[in-house]
Amino acid sequence: MAVIRDIIPAFELFQPASIDDAVRLIDKYRGDYWVLAGGLDSMDWLKDRLRRPRYVIDLTQIKELVGIEDTGGGLEIGAMTPLTQVVHHPVVRDKFGLL
């Protein structure tokens, strides 16, 4: 018998604006949180009840984690930088076309 689960169990959502705020939340809710970083796979984990955190910490509002910087000898790509931004960035296209 197939079980269809369209409803994600309830949780409290936090959207910190800085890395420090995110770290404080992780410390506060240690062991009962899930970090959401833009991946749709997280929604599947939650819907299928493979993870049932009471708290979800969404990193998408942390501006410090987004961006691309040319360091001279390479690139620094922020952890939350969308792949489309990486692909279309002029420095990536000019110097790192294989990416």
PDB file of N, CA and C in Angstrom:
ATOM      1  N   MET A   1       0.843  -1.171   0.000  1.00  0.00           N
ATOM      2  CA  MET A   1       0.000   0.000   0.000  1.00  0.00           C
ATOM      3  C   MET A   1       0.895   1.243   0.000  1.00  0.00           C
ATOM      4  N   ALA A   2       0.642   2.147  -0.904  1.00  0.00           N
ATOM      5  CA  ALA A   2       1.411   3.394  -0.991  1.00  0.00           C
ATOM      6  C   ALA A   2       0.848   4.426  -0.026  1.00  0.00           C
ATOM      7  N   VAL A   3       1.739   5.139   0.592  1.00  0.00           N
ATOM      8  CA  VAL A   3       1.339   6.212   1.500  1.00  0.00           C
ATOM      9  C   VAL A   3       1.774   7.526   0.876  1.00  0.00           C
ATOM     10  N   ILE A   4       0.827   8.433   0.693  1.00  0.00           N
ATOM     11  CA  ILE A   4       1.128   9.736   0.113  1.00  0.00           C
ATOM     12  C   ILE A   4       1.169  10.752   1.243  1.00  0.00           C
ATOM     13  N   ARG A   5       2.285  11.477   1.290  1.00  0.00           N
ATOM     14  CA  ARG A   5       2.454  12.467   2.350  1.00  0.00           C
ATOM     15  C   ARG A   5       2.682  13.819   1.708  1.00  0.00           C
ATOM     16  N   ASP A   6       1.646  14.607   1.646  1.00  0.00           N
ATOM     17  CA  ASP A   6       1.742  15.934   1.042  1.00  0.00           C
ATOM     18  C   ASP A   6       1.916  17.039   2.072  1.00  0.00           C
ATOM     19  N   ILE A   7       1.849  16.692   3.322  1.00  0.00           N
ATOM     20  CA  ILE A   7       1.908  17.710   4.364  1.00  0.00           C
ATOM     21  C   ILE A   7       3.192  17.530   5.168  1.00  0.00           C
ATOM     22  N   ILE A   8       3.940  18.606   5.276  1.00  0.00           N
ATOM     23  CA  ILE A   8       5.164  18.595   6.064  1.00  0.00           C
ATOM     24  C   ILE A   8       4.780  18.809   7.525  1.00  0.00           C
ATOM     25  N   PRO A   9       5.331  18.004   8.437  1.00  0.00           N
ATOM     26  CA  PRO A   9       5.042  18.229   9.860  1.00  0.00           C
ATOM     27  C   PRO A   9       5.434  19.646  10.289  1.00  0.00           C
ATOM     28  N   ALA A  10       4.729  20.167  11.262  1.00  0.00           N
ATOM     29  CA  ALA A  10       4.949  21.546  11.723  1.00  0.00           C
ATOM     30  C   ALA A  10       6.353  21.725  12.300  1.00  0.00           C
ATOM     31  N   PHE A  11       6.904  22.909  12.062  1.00  0.00           N
ATOM     32  CA  PHE A  11       8.188  23.294  12.642  1.00  0.00           C
ATOM     33  C   PHE A  11       8.216  24.806  12.749  1.00  0.00           C
ATOM     34  N   GLU A  12       9.133  25.313  13.554  1.00  0.00           N
ATOM     35  CA  GLU A  12       9.313  26.757  13.679  1.00  0.00           C
ATOM     36  C   GLU A  12      10.443  27.165  12.743  1.00  0.00           C
ATOM     37  N   LEU A  13      10.189  28.169  11.901  1.00  0.00           N
ATOM     38  CA  LEU A  13      11.151  28.609  10.890  1.00  0.00           C
ATOM     39  C   LEU A  13      11.876  29.867  11.346  1.00  0.00           C
ATOM     40  N   PHE A  14      13.193  29.849  11.214  1.00  0.00           N
ATOM     41  CA  PHE A  14      14.022  31.022  11.489  1.00  0.00           C
ATOM     42  C   PHE A  14      14.770  31.385  10.216  1.00  0.00           C
ATOM     43  N   GLN A  15      14.869  32.683   9.928  1.00  0.00           N
ATOM     44  CA  GLN A  15      15.607  33.174   8.769  1.00  0.00           C
ATOM     45  C   GLN A  15      16.613  34.224   9.239  1.00  0.00           C
ATOM     46  N   PRO A  16      17.731  33.774   9.786  1.00  0.00           N
ATOM     47  CA  PRO A  16      18.717  34.719  10.309  1.00  0.00           C
ATOM     48  C   PRO A  16      19.291  35.591   9.198  1.00  0.00           C
ATOM     49  N   ALA A  17      19.711  36.800   9.588  1.00  0.00           N
ATOM     50  CA  ALA A  17      20.262  37.755   8.622  1.00  0.00           C
ATOM     51  C   ALA A  17      21.785  37.763   8.615  1.00  0.00           C
ATOM     52  N   SER A  18      22.407  37.025   9.541  1.00  0.00           N
ATOM     53  CA  SER A  18      23.872  37.001   9.585  1.00  0.00           C
ATOM     54  C   SER A  18      24.353  35.607   9.976  1.00  0.00           C
ATOM     55  N   ILE A  19      25.623  35.362   9.701  1.00  0.00           N
ATOM     56  CA  ILE A  19      26.223  34.085  10.088  1.00  0.00           C
ATOM     57  C   ILE A  19      26.206  33.941  11.606  1.00  0.00           C
ATOM     58  N   ASP A  20      26.510  35.017  12.315  1.00  0.00           N
ATOM     59  CA  ASP A  20      26.498  34.971  13.786  1.00  0.00           C
ATOM     60  C   ASP A  20      25.125  34.587  14.323  1.00  0.00           C
ATOM     61  N   ASP A  21      24.067  35.155  13.731  1.00  0.00           N
ATOM     62  CA  ASP A  21      22.704  34.808  14.159  1.00  0.00           C
ATOM     63  C   ASP A  21      22.414  33.329  13.896  1.00  0.00           C
ATOM     64  N   ALA A  22      22.845  32.826  12.756  1.00  0.00           N
ATOM     65  CA  ALA A  22      22.629  31.414  12.417  1.00  0.00           C
ATOM     66  C   ALA A  22      23.357  30.505  13.405  1.00  0.00           C
ATOM     67  N   VAL A  23      24.587  30.849  13.734  1.00  0.00           N
ATOM     68  CA  VAL A  23      25.366  30.049  14.688  1.00  0.00           C
ATOM     69  C   VAL A  23      24.694  30.053  16.059  1.00  0.00           C
ATOM     70  N   ARG A  24      24.184  31.193  16.486  1.00  0.00           N
ATOM     71  CA  ARG A  24      23.480  31.272  17.778  1.00  0.00           C
ATOM     72  C   ARG A  24      22.255  30.350  17.783  1.00  0.00           C
ATOM     73  N   LEU A  25      21.499  30.348  16.681  1.00  0.00           N
ATOM     74  CA  LEU A  25      20.323  29.476  16.601  1.00  0.00           C
ATOM     75  C   LEU A  25      20.722  28.000  16.627  1.00  0.00           C
ATOM     76  N   ILE A  26      21.777  27.661  15.910  1.00  0.00           N
ATOM     77  CA  ILE A  26      22.254  26.274  15.892  1.00  0.00           C
ATOM     78  C   ILE A  26      22.682  25.845  17.294  1.00  0.00           C
ATOM     79  N   ASP A  27      23.379  26.718  18.002  1.00  0.00           N
ATOM     80  CA  ASP A  27      23.782  26.408  19.380  1.00  0.00           C
ATOM     81  C   ASP A  27      22.571  26.266  20.300  1.00  0.00           C
ATOM     82  N   LYS A  28      21.594  27.145  20.121  1.00  0.00           N
ATOM     83  CA  LYS A  28      20.408  27.144  20.984  1.00  0.00           C
ATOM     84  C   LYS A  28      19.560  25.888  20.791  1.00  0.00           C
ATOM     85  N   TYR A  29      19.383  25.462  19.545  1.00  0.00           N
ATOM     86  CA  TYR A  29      18.493  24.335  19.247  1.00  0.00           C
ATOM     87  C   TYR A  29      19.259  23.065  18.908  1.00  0.00           C
ATOM     88  N   ARG A  30      20.442  22.939  19.434  1.00  0.00           N
ATOM     89  CA  ARG A  30      21.341  21.815  19.169  1.00  0.00           C
ATOM     90  C   ARG A  30      20.603  20.472  19.192  1.00  0.00           C
ATOM     91  N   GLY A  31      20.754  19.733  18.100  1.00  0.00           N
ATOM     92  CA  GLY A  31      20.179  18.396  18.041  1.00  0.00           C
ATOM     93  C   GLY A  31      18.754  18.324  17.536  1.00  0.00           C
ATOM     94  N   ASP A  32      18.051  19.444  17.458  1.00  0.00           N
ATOM     95  CA  ASP A  32      16.645  19.391  17.036  1.00  0.00           C
ATOM     96  C   ASP A  32      16.358  20.425  15.952  1.00  0.00           C
ATOM     97  N   TYR A  33      17.337  20.649  15.065  1.00  0.00           N
ATOM     98  CA  TYR A  33      17.171  21.641  14.005  1.00  0.00           C
ATOM     99  C   TYR A  33      17.566  21.040  12.659  1.00  0.00           C
ATOM    100  N   TRP A  34      17.160  21.716  11.612  1.00  0.00           N
ATOM    101  CA  TRP A  34      17.537  21.361  10.240  1.00  0.00           C
ATOM    102  C   TRP A  34      17.957  22.652   9.557  1.00  0.00           C
ATOM    103  N   VAL A  35      19.103  22.632   8.897  1.00  0.00           N
ATOM    104  CA  VAL A  35      19.562  23.812   8.172  1.00  0.00           C
ATOM    105  C   VAL A  35      19.080  23.706   6.734  1.00  0.00           C
ATOM    106  N   LEU A  36      18.361  24.720   6.303  1.00  0.00           N
ATOM    107  CA  LEU A  36      17.843  24.791   4.940  1.00  0.00           C
ATOM    108  C   LEU A  36      18.709  25.768   4.159  1.00  0.00           C
ATOM    109  N   ALA A  37      19.282  25.269   3.071  1.00  0.00           N
ATOM    110  CA  ALA A  37      20.203  26.099   2.292  1.00  0.00           C
ATOM    111  C   ALA A  37      19.776  26.161   0.831  1.00  0.00           C
ATOM    112  N   GLY A  38      18.489  26.201   0.595  1.00  0.00           N
ATOM    113  CA  GLY A  38      17.989  26.377  -0.754  1.00  0.00           C
ATOM    114  C   GLY A  38      17.707  25.099  -1.511  1.00  0.00           C
ATOM    115  N   GLY A  39      18.067  23.965  -0.947  1.00  0.00           N
ATOM    116  CA  GLY A  39      17.898  22.702  -1.663  1.00  0.00           C
ATOM    117  C   GLY A  39      16.494  22.147  -1.571  1.00  0.00           C
ATOM    118  N   LEU A  40      15.963  21.755  -2.707  1.00  0.00           N
ATOM    119  CA  LEU A  40      14.631  21.155  -2.717  1.00  0.00           C
ATOM    120  C   LEU A  40      14.630  19.778  -2.077  1.00  0.00           C
ATOM    121  N   ASP A  41      15.791  19.131  -2.032  1.00  0.00           N
ATOM    122  CA  ASP A  41      15.851  17.815  -1.407  1.00  0.00           C
ATOM    123  C   ASP A  41      15.449  17.871   0.064  1.00  0.00           C
ATOM    124  N   SER A  42      15.684  19.003   0.707  1.00  0.00           N
ATOM    125  CA  SER A  42      15.272  19.152   2.109  1.00  0.00           C
ATOM    126  C   SER A  42      13.765  19.016   2.251  1.00  0.00           C
ATOM    127  N   MET A  43      13.021  19.568   1.316  1.00  0.00           N
ATOM    128  CA  MET A  43      11.563  19.470   1.385  1.00  0.00           C
ATOM    129  C   MET A  43      11.121  18.013   1.290  1.00  0.00           C
ATOM    130  N   ASP A  44      11.802  17.222   0.457  1.00  0.00           N
ATOM    131  CA  ASP A  44      11.474  15.799   0.360  1.00  0.00           C
ATOM    132  C   ASP A  44      11.765  15.082   1.676  1.00  0.00           C
ATOM    133  N   TRP A  45      12.903  15.395   2.295  1.00  0.00           N
ATOM    134  CA  TRP A  45      13.240  14.788   3.587  1.00  0.00           C
ATOM    135  C   TRP A  45      12.145  15.101   4.606  1.00  0.00           C
ATOM    136  N   LEU A  46      11.681  16.343   4.613  1.00  0.00           N
ATOM    137  CA  LEU A  46      10.667  16.751   5.584  1.00  0.00           C
ATOM    138  C   LEU A  46       9.308  16.135   5.261  1.00  0.00           C
ATOM    139  N   LYS A  47       8.920  16.164   3.983  1.00  0.00           N
ATOM    140  CA  LYS A  47       7.623  15.592   3.595  1.00  0.00           C
ATOM    141  C   LYS A  47       7.561  14.095   3.861  1.00  0.00           C
ATOM    142  N   ASP A  48       8.649  13.406   3.569  1.00  0.00           N
ATOM    143  CA  ASP A  48       8.680  11.958   3.778  1.00  0.00           C
ATOM    144  C   ASP A  48       8.922  11.587   5.240  1.00  0.00           C
ATOM    145  N   ARG A  49       9.052  12.611   6.066  1.00  0.00           N
ATOM    146  CA  ARG A  49       9.238  12.447   7.506  1.00  0.00           C
ATOM    147  C   ARG A  49      10.519  11.691   7.855  1.00  0.00           C
ATOM    148  N   LEU A  50      11.502  11.784   6.965  1.00  0.00           N
ATOM    149  CA  LEU A  50      12.809  11.206   7.258  1.00  0.00           C
ATOM    150  C   LEU A  50      13.549  12.077   8.261  1.00  0.00           C
ATOM    151  N   ARG A  51      13.166  13.338   8.307  1.00  0.00           N
ATOM    152  CA  ARG A  51      13.659  14.286   9.307  1.00  0.00           C
ATOM    153  C   ARG A  51      12.440  15.000   9.887  1.00  0.00           C
ATOM    154  N   ARG A  52      12.406  15.131  11.208  1.00  0.00           N
ATOM    155  CA  ARG A  52      11.289  15.806  11.877  1.00  0.00           C
ATOM    156  C   ARG A  52      11.818  16.825  12.875  1.00  0.00           C
ATOM    157  N   PRO A  53      12.493  17.840  12.377  1.00  0.00           N
ATOM    158  CA  PRO A  53      13.035  18.842  13.300  1.00  0.00           C
ATOM    159  C   PRO A  53      11.930  19.738  13.844  1.00  0.00           C
ATOM    160  N   ARG A  54      12.139  20.233  15.040  1.00  0.00           N
ATOM    161  CA  ARG A  54      11.202  21.219  15.596  1.00  0.00           C
ATOM    162  C   ARG A  54      11.522  22.605  15.068  1.00  0.00           C
ATOM    163  N   TYR A  55      12.788  22.806  14.634  1.00  0.00           N
ATOM    164  CA  TYR A  55      13.242  24.120  14.179  1.00  0.00           C
ATOM    165  C   TYR A  55      13.966  23.979  12.845  1.00  0.00           C
ATOM    166  N   VAL A  56      13.652  24.874  11.913  1.00  0.00           N
ATOM    167  CA  VAL A  56      14.344  24.920  10.624  1.00  0.00           C
ATOM    168  C   VAL A  56      15.020  26.281  10.522  1.00  0.00           C
ATOM    169  N   ILE A  57      16.304  26.263  10.198  1.00  0.00           N
ATOM    170  CA  ILE A  57      17.097  27.486  10.078  1.00  0.00           C
ATOM    171  C   ILE A  57      17.421  27.673   8.606  1.00  0.00           C
ATOM    172  N   ASP A  58      16.794  28.671   8.004  1.00  0.00           N
ATOM    173  CA  ASP A  58      16.914  28.957   6.574  1.00  0.00           C
ATOM    174  C   ASP A  58      18.036  29.972   6.356  1.00  0.00           C
ATOM    175  N   LEU A  59      19.060  29.593   5.613  1.00  0.00           N
ATOM    176  CA  LEU A  59      20.229  30.451   5.410  1.00  0.00           C
ATOM    177  C   LEU A  59      20.112  31.396   4.221  1.00  0.00           C
ATOM    178  N   THR A  60      19.010  31.368   3.504  1.00  0.00           N
ATOM    179  CA  THR A  60      18.916  32.123   2.248  1.00  0.00           C
ATOM    180  C   THR A  60      18.922  33.635   2.412  1.00  0.00           C
ATOM    181  N   GLN A  61      18.707  34.142   3.623  1.00  0.00           N
ATOM    182  CA  GLN A  61      18.695  35.592   3.827  1.00  0.00           C
ATOM    183  C   GLN A  61      20.046  36.153   4.269  1.00  0.00           C
ATOM    184  N   ILE A  62      21.047  35.302   4.376  1.00  0.00           N
ATOM    185  CA  ILE A  62      22.366  35.740   4.852  1.00  0.00           C
ATOM    186  C   ILE A  62      23.185  36.230   3.663  1.00  0.00           C
ATOM    187  N   LYS A  63      23.254  37.538   3.519  1.00  0.00           N
ATOM    188  CA  LYS A  63      23.931  38.158   2.367  1.00  0.00           C
ATOM    189  C   LYS A  63      25.422  37.833   2.323  1.00  0.00           C
ATOM    190  N   GLU A  64      26.040  37.616   3.500  1.00  0.00           N
ATOM    191  CA  GLU A  64      27.472  37.305   3.568  1.00  0.00           C
ATOM    192  C   GLU A  64      27.825  36.016   2.833  1.00  0.00           C
ATOM    193  N   LEU A  65      26.843  35.155   2.610  1.00  0.00           N
ATOM    194  CA  LEU A  65      27.097  33.859   1.990  1.00  0.00           C
ATOM    195  C   LEU A  65      26.880  33.860   0.482  1.00  0.00           C
ATOM    196  N   VAL A  66      26.552  35.019  -0.078  1.00  0.00           N
ATOM    197  CA  VAL A  66      26.269  35.111  -1.513  1.00  0.00           C
ATOM    198  C   VAL A  66      27.280  36.037  -2.169  1.00  0.00           C
ATOM    199  N   GLY A  67      27.816  35.599  -3.304  1.00  0.00           N
ATOM    200  CA  GLY A  67      28.704  36.472  -4.063  1.00  0.00           C
ATOM    201  C   GLY A  67      29.910  35.749  -4.615  1.00  0.00           C
ATOM    202  N   ILE A  68      30.573  36.425  -5.535  1.00  0.00           N
ATOM    203  CA  ILE A  68      31.769  35.898  -6.183  1.00  0.00           C
ATOM    204  C   ILE A  68      32.827  36.984  -6.137  1.00  0.00           C
ATOM    205  N   GLU A  69      34.015  36.614  -5.677  1.00  0.00           N
ATOM    206  CA  GLU A  69      35.100  37.589  -5.586  1.00  0.00           C
ATOM    207  C   GLU A  69      36.335  37.038  -6.286  1.00  0.00           C
ATOM    208  N   ASP A  70      36.911  37.852  -7.161  1.00  0.00           N
ATOM    209  CA  ASP A  70      38.162  37.511  -7.834  1.00  0.00           C
ATOM    210  C   ASP A  70      39.294  37.831  -6.865  1.00  0.00           C
ATOM    211  N   THR A  71      40.033  36.820  -6.446  1.00  0.00           N
ATOM    212  CA  THR A  71      41.108  37.019  -5.470  1.00  0.00           C
ATOM    213  C   THR A  71      42.470  37.193  -6.132  1.00  0.00           C
ATOM    214  N   GLY A  72      42.498  37.259  -7.433  1.00  0.00           N
ATOM    215  CA  GLY A  72      43.761  37.365  -8.155  1.00  0.00           C
ATOM    216  C   GLY A  72      44.287  35.999  -8.552  1.00  0.00           C
ATOM    217  N   GLY A  73      44.378  35.093  -7.599  1.00  0.00           N
ATOM    218  CA  GLY A  73      44.849  33.743  -7.896  1.00  0.00           C
ATOM    219  C   GLY A  73      43.724  32.736  -8.015  1.00  0.00           C
ATOM    220  N   GLY A  74      42.517  33.186  -7.874  1.00  0.00           N
ATOM    221  CA  GLY A  74      41.372  32.281  -7.943  1.00  0.00           C
ATOM    222  C   GLY A  74      40.080  33.015  -7.655  1.00  0.00           C
ATOM    223  N   LEU A  75      39.077  32.259  -7.293  1.00  0.00           N
ATOM    224  CA  LEU A  75      37.762  32.821  -6.990  1.00  0.00           C
ATOM    225  C   LEU A  75      37.321  32.384  -5.603  1.00  0.00           C
ATOM    226  N   GLU A  76      36.617  33.260  -4.929  1.00  0.00           N
ATOM    227  CA  GLU A  76      35.898  32.886  -3.721  1.00  0.00           C
ATOM    228  C   GLU A  76      34.422  32.949  -4.065  1.00  0.00           C
ATOM    229  N   ILE A  77      33.762  31.815  -3.951  1.00  0.00           N
ATOM    230  CA  ILE A  77      32.340  31.723  -4.269  1.00  0.00           C
ATOM    231  C   ILE A  77      31.600  31.433  -2.971  1.00  0.00           C
ATOM    232  N   GLY A  78      30.685  32.330  -2.609  1.00  0.00           N
ATOM    233  CA  GLY A  78      29.914  32.161  -1.384  1.00  0.00           C
ATOM    234  C   GLY A  78      29.073  30.897  -1.412  1.00  0.00           C
ATOM    235  N   ALA A  79      28.906  30.291  -0.252  1.00  0.00           N
ATOM    236  CA  ALA A  79      28.201  29.018  -0.128  1.00  0.00           C
ATOM    237  C   ALA A  79      26.759  29.069  -0.618  1.00  0.00           C
ATOM    238  N   MET A  80      26.107  30.226  -0.555  1.00  0.00           N
ATOM    239  CA  MET A  80      24.709  30.347  -0.973  1.00  0.00           C
ATOM    240  C   MET A  80      24.566  31.032  -2.331  1.00  0.00           C
ATOM    241  N   THR A  81      25.650  31.124  -3.083  1.00  0.00           N
ATOM    242  CA  THR A  81      25.602  31.753  -4.401  1.00  0.00           C
ATOM    243  C   THR A  81      24.909  30.811  -5.376  1.00  0.00           C
ATOM    244  N   PRO A  82      23.830  31.264  -6.025  1.00  0.00           N
ATOM    245  CA  PRO A  82      23.139  30.402  -6.990  1.00  0.00           C
ATOM    246  C   PRO A  82      24.058  30.035  -8.162  1.00  0.00           C
ATOM    247  N   LEU A  83      23.917  28.812  -8.644  1.00  0.00           N
ATOM    248  CA  LEU A  83      24.749  28.365  -9.763  1.00  0.00           C
ATOM    249  C   LEU A  83      24.556  29.221 -11.006  1.00  0.00           C
ATOM    250  N   THR A  84      23.351  29.747 -11.211  1.00  0.00           N
ATOM    251  CA  THR A  84      23.139  30.612 -12.380  1.00  0.00           C
ATOM    252  C   THR A  84      23.981  31.870 -12.284  1.00  0.00           C
ATOM    253  N   GLN A  85      24.172  32.386 -11.078  1.00  0.00           N
ATOM    254  CA  GLN A  85      25.023  33.558 -10.895  1.00  0.00           C
ATOM    255  C   GLN A  85      26.481  33.200 -11.200  1.00  0.00           C
ATOM    256  N   VAL A  86      26.914  32.020 -10.796  1.00  0.00           N
ATOM    257  CA  VAL A  86      28.283  31.577 -11.083  1.00  0.00           C
ATOM    258  C   VAL A  86      28.488  31.452 -12.589  1.00  0.00           C
ATOM    259  N   VAL A  87      27.572  30.803 -13.260  1.00  0.00           N
ATOM    260  CA  VAL A  87      27.686  30.568 -14.705  1.00  0.00           C
ATOM    261  C   VAL A  87      27.748  31.868 -15.491  1.00  0.00           C
ATOM    262  N   HIS A  88      26.998  32.868 -15.072  1.00  0.00           N
ATOM    263  CA  HIS A  88      26.910  34.116 -15.836  1.00  0.00           C
ATOM    264  C   HIS A  88      27.875  35.205 -15.365  1.00  0.00           C
ATOM    265  N   HIS A  89      28.645  34.951 -14.333  1.00  0.00           N
ATOM    266  CA  HIS A  89      29.566  35.963 -13.812  1.00  0.00           C
ATOM    267  C   HIS A  89      30.689  36.199 -14.826  1.00  0.00           C
ATOM    268  N   PRO A  90      30.994  37.466 -15.144  1.00  0.00           N
ATOM    269  CA  PRO A  90      31.998  37.759 -16.175  1.00  0.00           C
ATOM    270  C   PRO A  90      33.387  37.191 -15.868  1.00  0.00           C
ATOM    271  N   VAL A  91      33.822  37.228 -14.626  1.00  0.00           N
ATOM    272  CA  VAL A  91      35.145  36.686 -14.293  1.00  0.00           C
ATOM    273  C   VAL A  91      35.170  35.172 -14.485  1.00  0.00           C
ATOM    274  N   VAL A  92      34.097  34.512 -14.116  1.00  0.00           N
ATOM    275  CA  VAL A  92      34.014  33.062 -14.310  1.00  0.00           C
ATOM    276  C   VAL A  92      34.089  32.744 -15.797  1.00  0.00           C
ATOM    277  N   ARG A  93      33.348  33.469 -16.600  1.00  0.00           N
ATOM    278  CA  ARG A  93      33.327  33.215 -18.042  1.00  0.00           C
ATOM    279  C   ARG A  93      34.687  33.497 -18.683  1.00  0.00           C
ATOM    280  N   ASP A  94      35.359  34.560 -18.244  1.00  0.00           N
ATOM    281  CA  ASP A  94      36.638  34.940 -18.853  1.00  0.00           C
ATOM    282  C   ASP A  94      37.802  34.069 -18.394  1.00  0.00           C
ATOM    283  N   LYS A  95      37.890  33.811 -17.101  1.00  0.00           N
ATOM    284  CA  LYS A  95      39.069  33.139 -16.554  1.00  0.00           C
ATOM    285  C   LYS A  95      38.871  31.662 -16.206  1.00  0.00           C
ATOM    286  N   PHE A  96      37.622  31.278 -15.976  1.00  0.00           N
ATOM    287  CA  PHE A  96      37.359  29.925 -15.494  1.00  0.00           C
ATOM    288  C   PHE A  96      36.228  29.279 -16.295  1.00  0.00           C
ATOM    289  N   GLY A  97      36.343  29.326 -17.602  1.00  0.00           N
ATOM    290  CA  GLY A  97      35.290  28.842 -18.487  1.00  0.00           C
ATOM    291  C   GLY A  97      34.910  27.388 -18.278  1.00  0.00           C
ATOM    292  N   LEU A  98      35.831  26.578 -17.776  1.00  0.00           N
ATOM    293  CA  LEU A  98      35.523  25.165 -17.562  1.00  0.00           C
ATOM    294  C   LEU A  98      34.564  24.936 -16.401  1.00  0.00           C
ATOM    295  N   LEU A  99      34.408  25.941 -15.557  1.00  0.00           N
ATOM    296  CA  LEU A  99      33.443  25.795 -14.465  1.00  0.00           C
ATOM    297  C   LEU A  99      32.050  25.747 -15.045  1.00  0.00           C
TER     298      LEU A  99
END
